[in-house]
Amino acid sequence: MKLGKRGESLFLKLLPRLLSPVYRIYESYLRLQIKNGPFPRHIGIIPDGNRRWARERGLNPWEGHGFGYEKVKEVLRWIWELKIPFVTVFAMSAENCVHRDLEERENLFNIVRRGLKEVLSMPEIHKNMVKILVVGRLSHVPEDIKELAEAVTERTANYGNYVLTIALCYGGRQEIVDAVKAIAMDVERGLLKAEDIHEETFAKYLQTGAIPDLDLIIRTSGEERISNFLLWHSAYSELYFCDAYWPDFRKIDFWRAIRSYQRRERRFGR
């Protein structure tokens, strides 16, 4: 039986409701599979596909980022439900902050503003005692966003149950270059000897040196690369690529990522 355009549109609208009981059963099945762990200690998220999601719906690209921001808040709740202590979200890359269209960039910064303001009063942050770190080349962001980032960092500095790192105008290569420059200057000043430079020493010079290595990186939208994200911390990360655009990322997608992580044998190069 062929459906007309109106019938097809109605069917697509009803489809999520029709599938809802199936998803609930599948969610329960996945939860049983993953409940006993092990769970990653540190998850990195590359929330990709916001612009494509928006274009397919006839929206402006930055509107997709608005929906993506709401999804970030939802996924953070799922992560904290599993008691995973560290999460890093790739909010904006260094390239995004320089090369994106000016209008889109300004709209992205507006979303960042809203997010940082919300963090200051978000009940989950204070209830769960989540420390917030904002890393990246903040010289590329407007002054008021820098001030908000400082306020959020200061407000949550004494929290320690969880750590949420927001990578803003961030690039892994740039971070490593900055660390090398800082080490070279300390060697030149006589504060550090070349023979004393080890992995642990180097990590202390990284802006992200306070966080542990990534156990699991999740990237959405079907792209299979890490795009300059936490290069030092991802040396032995498990990678999980999901076809869904970020605003469509579901709890079952997240739990599949956790299940995939649990099924892998981690050897760390040994």
Protein backbone atom coordinates (compact mmCIF):
# COMPACT_ATOMS: atom_id res chain seq x y z
CA MET A 1 0.00 0.00 0.00
CA LYS A 2 1.40 3.37 -1.04
CA LEU A 3 1.18 6.33 1.31
CA GLY A 4 0.63 9.84 0.01
CA LYS A 5 2.90 12.67 1.13
CA ARG A 6 0.54 13.57 3.95
CA GLY A 7 0.27 9.96 5.05
CA GLU A 8 4.04 9.49 4.93
CA SER A 9 4.57 12.65 7.00
CA LEU A 10 2.03 11.49 9.59
CA PHE A 11 3.63 8.04 9.74
CA LEU A 12 7.08 9.55 10.37
CA LYS A 13 5.67 11.69 13.18
CA LEU A 14 3.98 8.68 14.78
CA LEU A 15 6.97 6.36 14.34
CA PRO A 16 8.80 7.41 17.54
CA ARG A 17 5.63 6.78 19.58
CA LEU A 18 5.12 3.39 17.92
CA LEU A 19 8.70 2.39 18.65
CA SER A 20 8.77 3.80 22.18
CA PRO A 21 7.82 0.51 23.91
CA VAL A 22 10.50 -1.32 21.89
CA TYR A 23 13.14 1.23 22.90
CA ARG A 24 12.17 0.92 26.57
CA ILE A 25 12.61 -2.85 26.41
CA TYR A 26 15.92 -2.50 24.61
CA GLU A 27 17.09 0.10 27.14
CA SER A 28 16.36 -2.32 29.96
CA TYR A 29 18.22 -5.08 28.10
CA LEU A 30 21.29 -2.86 27.59
CA ARG A 31 21.23 -1.67 31.20
CA LEU A 32 21.37 -5.26 32.40
CA GLN A 33 24.32 -5.93 30.10
CA ILE A 34 26.43 -2.99 31.29
CA LYS A 35 25.39 -2.63 34.94
CA ASN A 36 28.30 -4.57 36.44
CA GLY A 37 30.98 -2.57 34.62
CA PRO A 38 33.78 -1.93 34.18
CA PHE A 39 33.08 1.71 33.38
CA PRO A 40 35.49 4.20 31.87
CA ARG A 41 36.98 6.69 34.28
CA HIS A 42 37.19 9.47 31.69
CA ILE A 43 34.93 9.91 28.64
CA GLY A 44 35.60 12.39 25.85
CA ILE A 45 32.72 13.53 23.66
CA ILE A 46 32.99 14.96 20.14
CA PRO A 47 29.37 16.08 19.55
CA ASP A 48 29.40 16.16 15.76
CA GLY A 49 26.61 16.60 13.21
CA ASN A 50 24.71 19.59 14.64
CA ARG A 51 24.90 21.61 11.41
CA ARG A 52 23.87 18.71 9.17
CA TRP A 53 21.00 17.91 11.53
CA ALA A 54 19.80 21.52 11.24
CA ARG A 55 20.13 21.69 7.45
CA GLU A 56 18.04 18.53 7.00
CA ARG A 57 15.28 20.31 8.94
CA GLY A 58 15.54 23.58 7.05
CA LEU A 59 17.10 25.40 10.02
CA ASN A 60 20.10 27.70 10.25
CA PRO A 61 23.32 25.81 11.13
CA TRP A 62 23.66 27.47 14.55
CA GLU A 63 20.16 26.34 15.50
CA GLY A 64 21.50 22.80 15.36
CA HIS A 65 24.15 23.79 17.89
CA GLY A 66 21.37 25.03 20.20
CA PHE A 67 19.71 21.62 20.09
CA GLY A 68 23.15 20.07 20.51
CA TYR A 69 23.73 22.06 23.70
CA GLU A 70 20.49 20.70 25.18
CA LYS A 71 21.65 17.20 24.28
CA VAL A 72 24.97 17.78 26.08
CA LYS A 73 23.08 18.52 29.32
CA GLU A 74 21.06 15.32 28.90
CA VAL A 75 24.10 13.14 28.19
CA LEU A 76 25.98 14.55 31.18
CA ARG A 77 23.14 13.32 33.39
CA TRP A 78 23.50 9.81 31.88
CA ILE A 79 27.25 9.88 32.55
CA TRP A 80 26.82 10.95 36.16
CA GLU A 81 24.13 8.29 36.67
CA LEU A 82 26.89 5.75 35.99
CA LYS A 83 29.22 7.53 38.47
CA ILE A 84 31.82 8.23 35.76
CA PRO A 85 34.03 10.91 37.36
CA PHE A 86 35.64 12.65 34.36
CA VAL A 87 34.09 13.90 31.12
CA THR A 88 35.49 16.28 28.53
CA VAL A 89 33.24 17.89 25.90
CA PHE A 90 34.72 19.29 22.69
CA ALA A 91 32.61 22.45 22.61
CA MET A 92 34.52 24.40 19.92
CA SER A 93 37.76 23.64 18.15
CA ALA A 94 40.50 26.22 17.62
CA GLU A 95 39.63 26.11 13.93
CA ASN A 96 35.93 26.78 14.66
CA CYS A 97 36.89 29.92 16.57
CA VAL A 98 38.89 31.32 13.66
CA HIS A 99 37.54 29.96 10.38
CA ARG A 100 33.78 29.59 10.84
CA ASP A 101 31.49 32.14 9.20
CA LEU A 102 31.27 35.25 11.42
CA GLU A 103 27.48 35.00 11.92
CA GLU A 104 27.68 31.33 12.85
CA ARG A 105 30.64 31.97 15.14
CA GLU A 106 28.76 34.71 16.98
CA ASN A 107 25.77 32.43 17.42
CA LEU A 108 28.06 29.70 18.74
CA PHE A 109 29.50 32.15 21.25
CA ASN A 110 25.95 33.04 22.32
CA ILE A 111 25.31 29.38 23.08
CA VAL A 112 28.56 29.21 25.06
CA ARG A 113 27.49 32.30 27.03
CA ARG A 114 24.13 30.73 27.84
CA GLY A 115 25.79 27.48 28.84
CA LEU A 116 28.31 29.06 31.20
CA LYS A 117 25.62 31.21 32.80
CA GLU A 118 23.39 28.17 33.29
CA VAL A 119 26.23 26.19 34.86
CA LEU A 120 26.46 28.74 37.68
CA SER A 121 22.89 27.94 38.75
CA MET A 122 22.42 24.39 37.43
CA PRO A 123 21.27 22.17 40.35
CA GLU A 124 23.07 19.06 39.01
CA ILE A 125 26.42 20.83 39.10
CA HIS A 126 26.17 21.78 42.76
CA LYS A 127 24.30 18.69 43.91
CA ASN A 128 26.90 16.38 42.32
CA MET A 129 29.80 18.72 43.25
CA VAL A 130 31.11 18.94 39.70
CA LYS A 131 34.33 20.86 39.18
CA ILE A 132 34.34 22.77 35.88
CA LEU A 133 37.50 23.35 33.87
CA VAL A 134 37.52 25.46 30.70
CA VAL A 135 40.54 24.80 28.47
CA GLY A 136 41.65 26.13 25.09
CA ARG A 137 42.92 29.34 23.55
CA LEU A 138 40.55 31.68 25.32
CA SER A 139 42.33 34.62 23.68
CA HIS A 140 40.06 33.81 20.70
CA VAL A 141 36.81 34.27 22.64
CA PRO A 142 35.05 37.52 23.61
CA GLU A 143 36.11 39.05 26.92
CA ASP A 144 32.78 38.42 28.66
CA ILE A 145 33.05 34.69 27.89
CA LYS A 146 36.54 34.61 29.40
CA GLU A 147 35.12 36.27 32.52
CA LEU A 148 32.27 33.76 32.67
CA ALA A 149 34.73 30.86 32.30
CA GLU A 150 36.79 32.24 35.17
CA ALA A 151 33.67 32.67 37.32
CA VAL A 152 32.52 29.11 36.67
CA THR A 153 35.99 27.71 37.39
CA GLU A 154 36.25 29.70 40.62
CA ARG A 155 32.70 28.86 41.75
CA THR A 156 33.30 25.10 41.40
CA ALA A 157 37.01 25.00 42.37
CA ASN A 158 36.38 23.22 45.69
CA TYR A 159 34.15 20.53 44.19
CA GLY A 160 35.70 17.16 43.48
CA ASN A 161 33.15 14.37 43.02
CA TYR A 162 33.17 14.88 39.25
CA VAL A 163 35.18 16.94 36.79
CA LEU A 164 33.64 18.40 33.61
CA THR A 165 36.19 19.84 31.20
CA ILE A 166 34.91 22.15 28.46
CA ALA A 167 37.30 22.33 25.50
CA LEU A 168 36.65 25.77 24.03
CA CYS A 169 38.65 27.08 21.06
CA TYR A 170 40.80 24.05 21.80
CA GLY A 171 43.32 22.20 19.62
CA GLY A 172 45.47 19.27 20.70
CA ARG A 173 48.42 20.21 18.52
CA GLN A 174 48.29 23.81 19.70
CA GLU A 175 48.25 22.65 23.33
CA ILE A 176 51.33 20.48 22.79
CA VAL A 177 53.18 23.31 21.00
CA ASP A 178 52.38 25.68 23.87
CA ALA A 179 53.70 23.10 26.37
CA VAL A 180 56.94 22.68 24.38
CA LYS A 181 57.45 26.45 24.35
CA ALA A 182 56.91 26.66 28.11
CA ILE A 183 59.36 23.82 28.75
CA ALA A 184 61.96 25.41 26.45
CA MET A 185 61.67 28.69 28.35
CA ASP A 186 62.11 26.94 31.71
CA VAL A 187 65.18 25.10 30.39
CA GLU A 188 66.59 28.41 29.13
CA ARG A 189 66.03 29.99 32.55
CA GLY A 190 67.76 27.10 34.28
CA LEU A 191 64.56 26.00 36.05
CA LEU A 192 64.52 22.62 34.31
CA LYS A 193 67.16 20.26 32.93
CA ALA A 194 66.60 18.51 29.61
CA GLU A 195 67.40 15.12 31.15
CA ASP A 196 64.62 15.66 33.71
CA ILE A 197 61.90 15.89 31.04
CA HIS A 198 59.73 12.76 31.13
CA GLU A 199 56.10 12.07 30.24
CA GLU A 200 54.97 13.09 33.72
CA THR A 201 56.96 16.33 33.50
CA PHE A 202 55.56 17.13 30.07
CA ALA A 203 51.97 16.51 31.19
CA LYS A 204 52.32 19.15 33.90
CA TYR A 205 52.91 21.79 31.22
CA LEU A 206 49.70 20.92 29.38
CA GLN A 207 46.62 23.03 30.01
CA THR A 208 44.73 19.76 30.42
CA GLY A 209 47.42 18.19 32.60
CA ALA A 210 45.11 17.99 35.61
CA ILE A 211 42.83 15.41 33.99
CA PRO A 212 43.61 11.70 33.46
CA ASP A 213 44.00 10.00 30.10
CA LEU A 214 40.83 9.37 28.13
CA ASP A 215 39.46 5.84 28.39
CA LEU A 216 36.69 6.26 25.83
CA ILE A 217 36.05 8.81 23.08
CA ILE A 218 32.54 8.98 21.60
CA ARG A 219 32.02 10.77 18.29
CA THR A 220 28.66 11.10 16.57
CA SER A 221 27.53 11.72 12.94
CA GLY A 222 29.41 8.80 11.37
CA GLU A 223 32.74 10.61 11.08
CA GLU A 224 35.67 8.42 12.17
CA ARG A 225 38.47 10.71 13.32
CA ILE A 226 39.39 12.55 16.52
CA SER A 227 39.96 15.96 14.89
CA ASN A 228 42.77 17.33 17.08
CA PHE A 229 40.94 16.47 20.31
CA LEU A 230 43.07 15.85 23.44
CA LEU A 231 45.91 14.26 21.46
CA TRP A 232 48.13 13.63 24.50
CA HIS A 233 45.34 12.09 26.56
CA SER A 234 43.98 9.90 23.75
CA ALA A 235 47.12 7.80 23.15
CA TYR A 236 45.41 4.62 24.36
CA SER A 237 41.75 5.64 24.20
CA GLU A 238 39.06 3.31 23.00
CA LEU A 239 37.12 4.94 20.13
CA TYR A 240 33.39 4.62 19.52
CA PHE A 241 31.81 6.13 16.41
CA CYS A 242 28.03 6.50 16.21
CA ASP A 243 26.11 7.23 13.00
CA ALA A 244 23.47 9.42 14.70
CA TYR A 245 23.81 13.18 14.53
CA TRP A 246 24.50 14.59 17.99
CA PRO A 247 20.99 16.05 18.63
CA ASP A 248 19.56 12.56 17.88
CA PHE A 249 21.97 10.72 20.22
CA ARG A 250 19.92 8.45 22.50
CA LYS A 251 20.54 6.73 25.80
CA ILE A 252 20.68 3.41 23.97
CA ASP A 253 23.47 4.86 21.79
CA PHE A 254 25.36 5.88 24.91
CA TRP A 255 24.90 2.50 26.55
CA ARG A 256 26.02 0.76 23.34
CA ALA A 257 29.22 2.80 23.57
CA ILE A 258 29.70 1.66 27.17
CA ARG A 259 28.99 -1.95 26.19
CA SER A 260 31.52 -1.71 23.37
CA TYR A 261 34.10 -0.37 25.83
CA GLN A 262 33.43 -3.22 28.26
CA ARG A 263 33.96 -5.83 25.55
CA ARG A 264 37.44 -4.59 24.61
CA GLU A 265 40.69 -5.91 26.03
CA ARG A 266 42.78 -2.92 27.02
CA ARG A 267 46.51 -3.60 26.74
CA PHE A 268 47.94 -0.05 26.70
CA GLY A 269 50.54 -1.07 24.13
CA ARG A 270 51.73 -4.09 26.11
